[in-house]
N, C-alpha and C. Protein backbone atom coordinates (compact mmCIF):
# COMPACT_ATOMS: atom_id res chain seq x y z
N UNK A 1 120.86 -12.59 129.97
CA UNK A 1 119.60 -11.95 129.67
C UNK A 1 119.82 -10.88 128.55
N UNK A 2 120.94 -10.21 128.65
CA UNK A 2 121.15 -9.14 127.62
C UNK A 2 121.31 -9.78 126.21
N UNK A 3 121.81 -11.01 126.15
CA UNK A 3 121.94 -11.68 124.81
C UNK A 3 120.50 -11.92 124.25
N UNK A 4 119.64 -12.46 125.11
CA UNK A 4 118.26 -12.76 124.65
C UNK A 4 117.56 -11.47 124.24
N UNK A 5 117.72 -10.41 125.02
CA UNK A 5 117.06 -9.12 124.68
C UNK A 5 117.65 -8.61 123.38
N UNK A 6 118.92 -8.64 123.23
CA UNK A 6 119.59 -8.15 122.03
C UNK A 6 119.10 -8.88 120.80
N UNK A 7 119.07 -10.20 120.85
CA UNK A 7 118.62 -11.05 119.76
C UNK A 7 117.14 -10.71 119.44
N UNK A 8 116.34 -10.58 120.41
CA UNK A 8 114.93 -10.30 120.24
C UNK A 8 114.72 -8.94 119.58
N UNK A 9 115.41 -7.92 120.07
CA UNK A 9 115.28 -6.61 119.50
C UNK A 9 115.84 -6.52 118.09
N UNK A 10 116.97 -7.17 117.85
CA UNK A 10 117.54 -7.18 116.54
C UNK A 10 116.60 -7.89 115.49
N UNK A 11 116.04 -9.00 115.93
CA UNK A 11 115.12 -9.72 115.00
C UNK A 11 113.90 -8.90 114.69
N UNK A 12 113.32 -8.26 115.71
CA UNK A 12 112.13 -7.45 115.45
C UNK A 12 112.49 -6.22 114.58
N UNK A 13 113.64 -5.62 114.80
CA UNK A 13 114.08 -4.48 114.01
C UNK A 13 114.26 -4.90 112.54
N UNK A 14 114.88 -6.02 112.29
CA UNK A 14 115.06 -6.44 110.86
C UNK A 14 113.78 -6.71 110.21
N UNK A 15 112.84 -7.47 110.92
CA UNK A 15 111.57 -7.84 110.29
C UNK A 15 110.69 -6.64 110.04
N UNK A 16 110.44 -5.87 111.06
CA UNK A 16 109.54 -4.72 110.92
C UNK A 16 110.17 -3.69 110.03
N UNK A 17 111.45 -3.38 110.23
CA UNK A 17 112.17 -2.42 109.38
C UNK A 17 112.19 -2.84 107.92
N UNK A 18 112.40 -4.13 107.68
CA UNK A 18 112.39 -4.62 106.33
C UNK A 18 111.06 -4.48 105.67
N UNK A 19 109.97 -4.80 106.40
CA UNK A 19 108.68 -4.59 105.82
C UNK A 19 108.36 -3.14 105.56
N UNK A 20 108.77 -2.27 106.50
CA UNK A 20 108.56 -0.85 106.31
C UNK A 20 109.30 -0.36 105.04
N UNK A 21 110.58 -0.75 104.89
CA UNK A 21 111.33 -0.31 103.74
C UNK A 21 110.66 -0.77 102.43
N UNK A 22 110.29 -2.07 102.41
CA UNK A 22 109.72 -2.66 101.23
C UNK A 22 108.39 -1.96 100.86
N UNK A 23 107.55 -1.74 101.88
CA UNK A 23 106.23 -1.22 101.62
C UNK A 23 106.25 0.25 101.35
N UNK A 24 107.01 1.01 102.09
CA UNK A 24 106.96 2.51 102.01
C UNK A 24 107.95 3.08 101.00
N UNK A 25 109.08 2.44 100.82
CA UNK A 25 110.11 2.97 99.94
C UNK A 25 110.22 2.24 98.59
N UNK A 26 110.44 0.93 98.66
CA UNK A 26 110.67 0.17 97.41
C UNK A 26 109.43 0.03 96.56
N UNK A 27 108.31 -0.29 97.19
CA UNK A 27 107.06 -0.55 96.42
C UNK A 27 106.66 0.65 95.54
N UNK A 28 106.54 1.85 96.07
CA UNK A 28 106.12 2.96 95.18
C UNK A 28 107.11 3.27 94.04
N UNK A 29 108.38 3.13 94.35
CA UNK A 29 109.34 3.43 93.29
C UNK A 29 109.33 2.34 92.18
N UNK A 30 109.25 1.09 92.62
CA UNK A 30 109.17 -0.03 91.66
C UNK A 30 107.93 0.09 90.83
N UNK A 31 106.80 0.45 91.42
CA UNK A 31 105.53 0.59 90.67
C UNK A 31 105.60 1.69 89.68
N UNK A 32 106.31 2.77 90.03
CA UNK A 32 106.39 3.94 89.16
C UNK A 32 107.39 3.71 88.01
N UNK A 33 108.48 3.01 88.28
CA UNK A 33 109.56 2.95 87.26
C UNK A 33 109.70 1.64 86.52
N UNK A 34 109.02 0.57 86.91
CA UNK A 34 109.21 -0.72 86.25
C UNK A 34 107.92 -1.23 85.70
N UNK A 35 107.98 -1.84 84.47
CA UNK A 35 106.85 -2.47 83.93
C UNK A 35 106.56 -3.77 84.68
N UNK A 36 105.25 -4.25 84.66
CA UNK A 36 104.93 -5.33 85.49
C UNK A 36 105.76 -6.57 85.40
N UNK A 37 106.20 -7.08 84.19
CA UNK A 37 107.03 -8.30 84.26
C UNK A 37 108.38 -8.08 85.02
N UNK A 38 108.99 -6.92 84.80
CA UNK A 38 110.24 -6.64 85.51
C UNK A 38 109.98 -6.43 86.96
N UNK A 39 108.96 -5.68 87.31
CA UNK A 39 108.62 -5.39 88.69
C UNK A 39 108.37 -6.70 89.43
N UNK A 40 107.64 -7.61 88.83
CA UNK A 40 107.32 -8.89 89.51
C UNK A 40 108.56 -9.71 89.73
N UNK A 41 109.48 -9.68 88.78
CA UNK A 41 110.70 -10.44 88.98
C UNK A 41 111.61 -9.76 90.05
N UNK A 42 111.58 -8.46 90.12
CA UNK A 42 112.30 -7.80 91.16
C UNK A 42 111.76 -8.20 92.56
N UNK A 43 110.46 -8.21 92.66
CA UNK A 43 109.84 -8.61 93.95
C UNK A 43 110.16 -10.04 94.31
N UNK A 44 110.14 -10.92 93.34
CA UNK A 44 110.53 -12.31 93.59
C UNK A 44 111.94 -12.37 94.15
N UNK A 45 112.84 -11.64 93.55
CA UNK A 45 114.20 -11.59 94.03
C UNK A 45 114.34 -11.03 95.41
N UNK A 46 113.63 -9.91 95.66
CA UNK A 46 113.65 -9.33 97.01
C UNK A 46 113.11 -10.31 98.00
N UNK A 47 112.00 -10.93 97.68
CA UNK A 47 111.43 -11.86 98.66
C UNK A 47 112.30 -13.08 98.87
N UNK A 48 113.01 -13.54 97.83
CA UNK A 48 113.92 -14.67 98.00
C UNK A 48 114.96 -14.37 99.07
N UNK A 49 115.45 -13.16 99.07
CA UNK A 49 116.47 -12.76 100.01
C UNK A 49 115.86 -12.49 101.42
N UNK A 50 114.80 -11.64 101.43
CA UNK A 50 114.21 -11.23 102.71
C UNK A 50 113.57 -12.35 103.47
N UNK A 51 112.92 -13.24 102.80
CA UNK A 51 112.16 -14.34 103.43
C UNK A 51 113.15 -15.33 104.11
N UNK A 52 114.35 -15.46 103.57
CA UNK A 52 115.36 -16.33 104.28
C UNK A 52 115.62 -15.71 105.69
N UNK A 53 115.72 -14.42 105.73
CA UNK A 53 115.93 -13.71 107.03
C UNK A 53 114.68 -13.88 107.92
N UNK A 54 113.50 -13.75 107.30
CA UNK A 54 112.26 -13.82 108.14
C UNK A 54 112.17 -15.24 108.70
N UNK A 55 112.53 -16.29 107.98
CA UNK A 55 112.48 -17.62 108.53
C UNK A 55 113.35 -17.73 109.79
N UNK A 56 114.56 -17.14 109.71
CA UNK A 56 115.43 -17.12 110.92
C UNK A 56 114.75 -16.33 112.06
N UNK A 57 114.14 -15.23 111.68
CA UNK A 57 113.51 -14.34 112.70
C UNK A 57 112.32 -15.02 113.35
N UNK A 58 111.48 -15.76 112.59
CA UNK A 58 110.33 -16.40 113.18
C UNK A 58 110.71 -17.50 114.13
N UNK A 59 111.95 -17.95 114.02
CA UNK A 59 112.51 -18.88 114.97
C UNK A 59 113.08 -18.09 116.18
N UNK A 60 113.86 -17.09 115.86
CA UNK A 60 114.59 -16.37 116.91
C UNK A 60 113.67 -15.53 117.86
N UNK A 61 112.60 -14.97 117.32
CA UNK A 61 111.76 -14.12 118.21
C UNK A 61 111.10 -14.97 119.29
N UNK A 62 110.41 -16.05 118.98
CA UNK A 62 109.81 -16.83 120.11
C UNK A 62 110.88 -17.39 121.05
N UNK A 63 112.00 -17.91 120.54
CA UNK A 63 113.04 -18.48 121.38
C UNK A 63 113.60 -17.41 122.34
N UNK A 64 113.95 -16.26 121.81
CA UNK A 64 114.48 -15.22 122.64
C UNK A 64 113.45 -14.67 123.62
N UNK A 65 112.19 -14.55 123.13
CA UNK A 65 111.12 -14.05 123.98
C UNK A 65 110.85 -14.95 125.18
N UNK A 66 110.74 -16.26 124.87
CA UNK A 66 110.44 -17.22 125.94
C UNK A 66 111.71 -17.38 126.84
N UNK A 67 112.90 -17.20 126.30
CA UNK A 67 114.11 -17.23 127.07
C UNK A 67 114.03 -16.11 128.15
N UNK A 68 113.64 -14.92 127.73
CA UNK A 68 113.52 -13.84 128.67
C UNK A 68 112.37 -14.09 129.69
N UNK A 69 111.28 -14.59 129.23
CA UNK A 69 110.10 -14.79 130.12
C UNK A 69 110.43 -15.83 131.16
N UNK A 70 111.04 -16.98 130.73
CA UNK A 70 111.22 -18.04 131.70
C UNK A 70 112.51 -17.93 132.54
N UNK A 71 113.53 -17.29 132.01
CA UNK A 71 114.77 -17.13 132.81
C UNK A 71 114.75 -15.87 133.65
N UNK A 72 114.23 -14.79 133.13
CA UNK A 72 114.19 -13.52 133.87
C UNK A 72 112.99 -13.44 134.81
N UNK A 73 111.86 -13.91 134.31
CA UNK A 73 110.59 -13.67 135.06
C UNK A 73 110.03 -14.98 135.67
N UNK A 74 110.67 -16.10 135.41
CA UNK A 74 110.25 -17.40 135.90
C UNK A 74 108.85 -17.82 135.44
N UNK A 75 108.48 -17.39 134.25
CA UNK A 75 107.26 -17.89 133.66
C UNK A 75 106.26 -16.82 133.27
N UNK A 76 105.24 -17.29 132.55
CA UNK A 76 104.18 -16.38 132.00
C UNK A 76 103.38 -15.75 133.10
N UNK A 77 103.23 -16.40 134.23
CA UNK A 77 102.40 -15.84 135.32
C UNK A 77 103.05 -14.60 135.91
N UNK A 78 104.31 -14.40 135.66
CA UNK A 78 105.04 -13.26 136.28
C UNK A 78 105.31 -12.12 135.36
N UNK A 79 104.69 -12.11 134.18
CA UNK A 79 104.90 -11.03 133.21
C UNK A 79 103.56 -10.25 133.13
N UNK A 80 103.69 -8.99 132.67
CA UNK A 80 102.54 -8.16 132.55
C UNK A 80 101.70 -8.50 131.34
N UNK A 81 100.53 -7.89 131.29
CA UNK A 81 99.58 -8.15 130.18
C UNK A 81 100.19 -7.71 128.85
N UNK A 82 101.09 -6.73 128.88
CA UNK A 82 101.72 -6.29 127.64
C UNK A 82 102.51 -7.41 127.00
N UNK A 83 103.18 -8.26 127.78
CA UNK A 83 103.94 -9.35 127.25
C UNK A 83 102.98 -10.40 126.63
N UNK A 84 101.91 -10.65 127.31
CA UNK A 84 100.86 -11.58 126.72
C UNK A 84 100.34 -11.06 125.41
N UNK A 85 100.06 -9.79 125.36
CA UNK A 85 99.56 -9.17 124.14
C UNK A 85 100.58 -9.22 123.01
N UNK A 86 101.85 -8.93 123.33
CA UNK A 86 102.91 -9.04 122.31
C UNK A 86 103.06 -10.43 121.82
N UNK A 87 102.96 -11.39 122.74
CA UNK A 87 103.04 -12.78 122.33
C UNK A 87 101.96 -13.18 121.39
N UNK A 88 100.74 -12.77 121.65
CA UNK A 88 99.55 -13.05 120.85
C UNK A 88 99.77 -12.45 119.46
N UNK A 89 100.11 -11.17 119.41
CA UNK A 89 100.31 -10.47 118.11
C UNK A 89 101.50 -11.08 117.37
N UNK A 90 102.54 -11.47 118.09
CA UNK A 90 103.69 -12.04 117.45
C UNK A 90 103.37 -13.37 116.77
N UNK A 91 102.59 -14.24 117.48
CA UNK A 91 102.20 -15.50 116.87
C UNK A 91 101.27 -15.25 115.67
N UNK A 92 100.46 -14.24 115.78
CA UNK A 92 99.59 -13.90 114.62
C UNK A 92 100.43 -13.52 113.44
N UNK A 93 101.42 -12.69 113.68
CA UNK A 93 102.39 -12.24 112.62
C UNK A 93 103.09 -13.45 112.00
N UNK A 94 103.53 -14.39 112.84
CA UNK A 94 104.19 -15.56 112.31
C UNK A 94 103.24 -16.38 111.43
N UNK A 95 102.02 -16.51 111.91
CA UNK A 95 101.02 -17.28 111.13
C UNK A 95 100.73 -16.60 109.79
N UNK A 96 100.64 -15.30 109.79
CA UNK A 96 100.44 -14.58 108.52
C UNK A 96 101.60 -14.79 107.59
N UNK A 97 102.83 -14.75 108.14
CA UNK A 97 104.01 -14.93 107.26
C UNK A 97 104.03 -16.40 106.72
N UNK A 98 103.72 -17.35 107.54
CA UNK A 98 103.74 -18.74 107.04
C UNK A 98 102.72 -18.90 105.94
N UNK A 99 101.48 -18.37 106.15
CA UNK A 99 100.49 -18.43 105.07
C UNK A 99 101.04 -17.75 103.80
N UNK A 100 101.52 -16.49 103.95
CA UNK A 100 102.06 -15.73 102.88
C UNK A 100 103.11 -16.50 102.10
N UNK A 101 104.02 -17.12 102.85
CA UNK A 101 105.11 -17.83 102.19
C UNK A 101 104.58 -19.07 101.43
N UNK A 102 103.72 -19.86 102.02
CA UNK A 102 103.33 -21.12 101.38
C UNK A 102 102.15 -20.97 100.43
N UNK A 103 101.46 -19.86 100.42
CA UNK A 103 100.37 -19.70 99.45
C UNK A 103 100.63 -18.65 98.39
N UNK A 104 100.46 -17.35 98.63
CA UNK A 104 100.63 -16.46 97.48
C UNK A 104 102.08 -16.36 96.99
N UNK A 105 103.04 -16.52 97.91
CA UNK A 105 104.47 -16.41 97.43
C UNK A 105 104.85 -17.58 96.51
N UNK A 106 104.39 -18.79 96.88
CA UNK A 106 104.71 -19.92 96.03
C UNK A 106 103.93 -19.83 94.71
N UNK A 107 102.73 -19.33 94.75
CA UNK A 107 101.94 -19.15 93.55
C UNK A 107 102.62 -18.04 92.67
N UNK A 108 103.12 -16.99 93.29
CA UNK A 108 103.88 -15.95 92.55
C UNK A 108 105.05 -16.57 91.78
N UNK A 109 105.85 -17.39 92.49
CA UNK A 109 106.99 -18.00 91.78
C UNK A 109 106.54 -18.92 90.67
N UNK A 110 105.53 -19.69 90.90
CA UNK A 110 105.05 -20.62 89.87
C UNK A 110 104.48 -19.81 88.63
N UNK A 111 103.74 -18.79 88.96
CA UNK A 111 103.16 -18.00 87.86
C UNK A 111 104.20 -17.23 87.06
N UNK A 112 105.26 -16.75 87.73
CA UNK A 112 106.31 -16.12 87.01
C UNK A 112 107.12 -17.09 86.16
N UNK A 113 107.36 -18.33 86.66
CA UNK A 113 108.04 -19.32 85.89
C UNK A 113 107.28 -19.66 84.65
N UNK A 114 105.92 -19.69 84.76
CA UNK A 114 105.07 -19.97 83.61
C UNK A 114 104.68 -18.74 82.82
N UNK A 115 105.24 -17.61 83.17
CA UNK A 115 105.04 -16.30 82.48
C UNK A 115 103.52 -15.90 82.48
N UNK A 116 102.86 -16.25 83.57
CA UNK A 116 101.44 -15.82 83.73
C UNK A 116 101.42 -14.55 84.50
N UNK A 117 101.70 -13.47 83.83
CA UNK A 117 101.92 -12.13 84.44
C UNK A 117 100.70 -11.65 85.19
N UNK A 118 99.49 -11.69 84.64
CA UNK A 118 98.28 -11.18 85.44
C UNK A 118 98.12 -11.99 86.70
N UNK A 119 98.26 -13.27 86.63
CA UNK A 119 98.12 -14.11 87.84
C UNK A 119 99.22 -13.81 88.86
N UNK A 120 100.45 -13.61 88.40
CA UNK A 120 101.50 -13.27 89.29
C UNK A 120 101.24 -11.89 89.92
N UNK A 121 100.71 -10.96 89.15
CA UNK A 121 100.39 -9.62 89.72
C UNK A 121 99.35 -9.77 90.77
N UNK A 122 98.35 -10.66 90.61
CA UNK A 122 97.36 -10.88 91.66
C UNK A 122 98.03 -11.50 92.92
N UNK A 123 98.98 -12.39 92.73
CA UNK A 123 99.69 -12.92 93.89
C UNK A 123 100.46 -11.86 94.62
N UNK A 124 101.13 -10.99 93.81
CA UNK A 124 101.90 -9.93 94.45
C UNK A 124 100.98 -8.97 95.24
N UNK A 125 99.82 -8.72 94.70
CA UNK A 125 98.85 -7.85 95.44
C UNK A 125 98.46 -8.50 96.74
N UNK A 126 98.22 -9.82 96.73
CA UNK A 126 97.86 -10.47 98.00
C UNK A 126 98.98 -10.42 98.99
N UNK A 127 100.23 -10.61 98.53
CA UNK A 127 101.41 -10.50 99.35
C UNK A 127 101.45 -9.10 99.96
N UNK A 128 101.23 -8.11 99.13
CA UNK A 128 101.26 -6.72 99.56
C UNK A 128 100.23 -6.51 100.72
N UNK A 129 99.08 -7.06 100.59
CA UNK A 129 98.01 -6.88 101.62
C UNK A 129 98.47 -7.58 102.95
N UNK A 130 99.03 -8.74 102.82
CA UNK A 130 99.48 -9.47 104.02
C UNK A 130 100.68 -8.77 104.67
N UNK A 131 101.59 -8.23 103.86
CA UNK A 131 102.69 -7.49 104.43
C UNK A 131 102.18 -6.20 105.12
N UNK A 132 101.18 -5.56 104.54
CA UNK A 132 100.61 -4.38 105.19
C UNK A 132 100.04 -4.73 106.55
N UNK A 133 99.29 -5.89 106.59
CA UNK A 133 98.82 -6.34 107.88
C UNK A 133 99.89 -6.60 108.87
N UNK A 134 100.91 -7.32 108.41
CA UNK A 134 102.03 -7.68 109.34
C UNK A 134 102.78 -6.41 109.78
N UNK A 135 102.98 -5.49 108.84
CA UNK A 135 103.68 -4.26 109.23
C UNK A 135 102.89 -3.49 110.27
N UNK A 136 101.56 -3.43 110.08
CA UNK A 136 100.71 -2.74 111.08
C UNK A 136 100.83 -3.44 112.43
N UNK A 137 100.74 -4.74 112.46
CA UNK A 137 100.87 -5.50 113.74
C UNK A 137 102.25 -5.28 114.30
N UNK A 138 103.32 -5.25 113.51
CA UNK A 138 104.62 -5.07 113.98
C UNK A 138 104.82 -3.70 114.58
N UNK A 139 104.23 -2.68 114.00
CA UNK A 139 104.25 -1.34 114.61
C UNK A 139 103.53 -1.28 115.91
N UNK A 140 102.42 -2.00 116.01
CA UNK A 140 101.69 -2.04 117.27
C UNK A 140 102.53 -2.71 118.35
N UNK A 141 103.27 -3.79 118.01
CA UNK A 141 104.10 -4.40 119.01
C UNK A 141 105.23 -3.50 119.39
N UNK A 142 105.83 -2.79 118.50
CA UNK A 142 106.87 -1.80 118.87
C UNK A 142 106.31 -0.77 119.82
N UNK A 143 105.12 -0.30 119.55
CA UNK A 143 104.51 0.73 120.46
C UNK A 143 104.25 0.12 121.84
N UNK A 144 103.71 -1.07 121.84
CA UNK A 144 103.52 -1.74 123.15
C UNK A 144 104.79 -1.91 123.89
N UNK A 145 105.81 -2.47 123.21
CA UNK A 145 107.10 -2.74 123.83
C UNK A 145 107.75 -1.45 124.34
N UNK A 146 107.59 -0.37 123.67
CA UNK A 146 108.32 0.85 124.03
C UNK A 146 107.57 1.68 125.10
N UNK A 147 106.26 1.32 125.35
CA UNK A 147 105.55 2.12 126.29
C UNK A 147 105.01 1.30 127.52
N UNK A 148 105.44 0.04 127.60
CA UNK A 148 104.90 -0.85 128.64
C UNK A 148 105.94 -1.28 129.63
N UNK A 149 105.46 -1.68 130.78
CA UNK A 149 106.32 -2.36 131.77
C UNK A 149 106.13 -3.87 131.54
N UNK A 150 107.21 -4.61 131.80
CA UNK A 150 107.10 -6.06 131.57
C UNK A 150 106.87 -6.78 132.84
């Protein structure tokens, strides 16, 4: 059980912490110091690395979560409403990430390859909005997890 909990906590920490760092620390500095073409390429590089981790995380979070639910609590009927709420928000976050990855992120890469800077900037703005939504949802889950009984 401690393995599942540790994997779950570590995955959530990396995902939410990574979004927080990118949104709160990296984004304002990059916007202030880099011209749009350079800034867009920086973000593409950051996303190339971070999204590989997020793909691992979107697999690890449900697996470790259901591992805890079914092995420790013998099923969904035996967990509190906070677990159901975290599950709902978690799947919403995964859905947002999958959309982000296959729509605006792929468009960002294509537009940068074709040197369509204004279009790429629009893609980055959409990604920023989706990350803001996911970061907010991630913070809500952290608050639920840290204040609830399971």
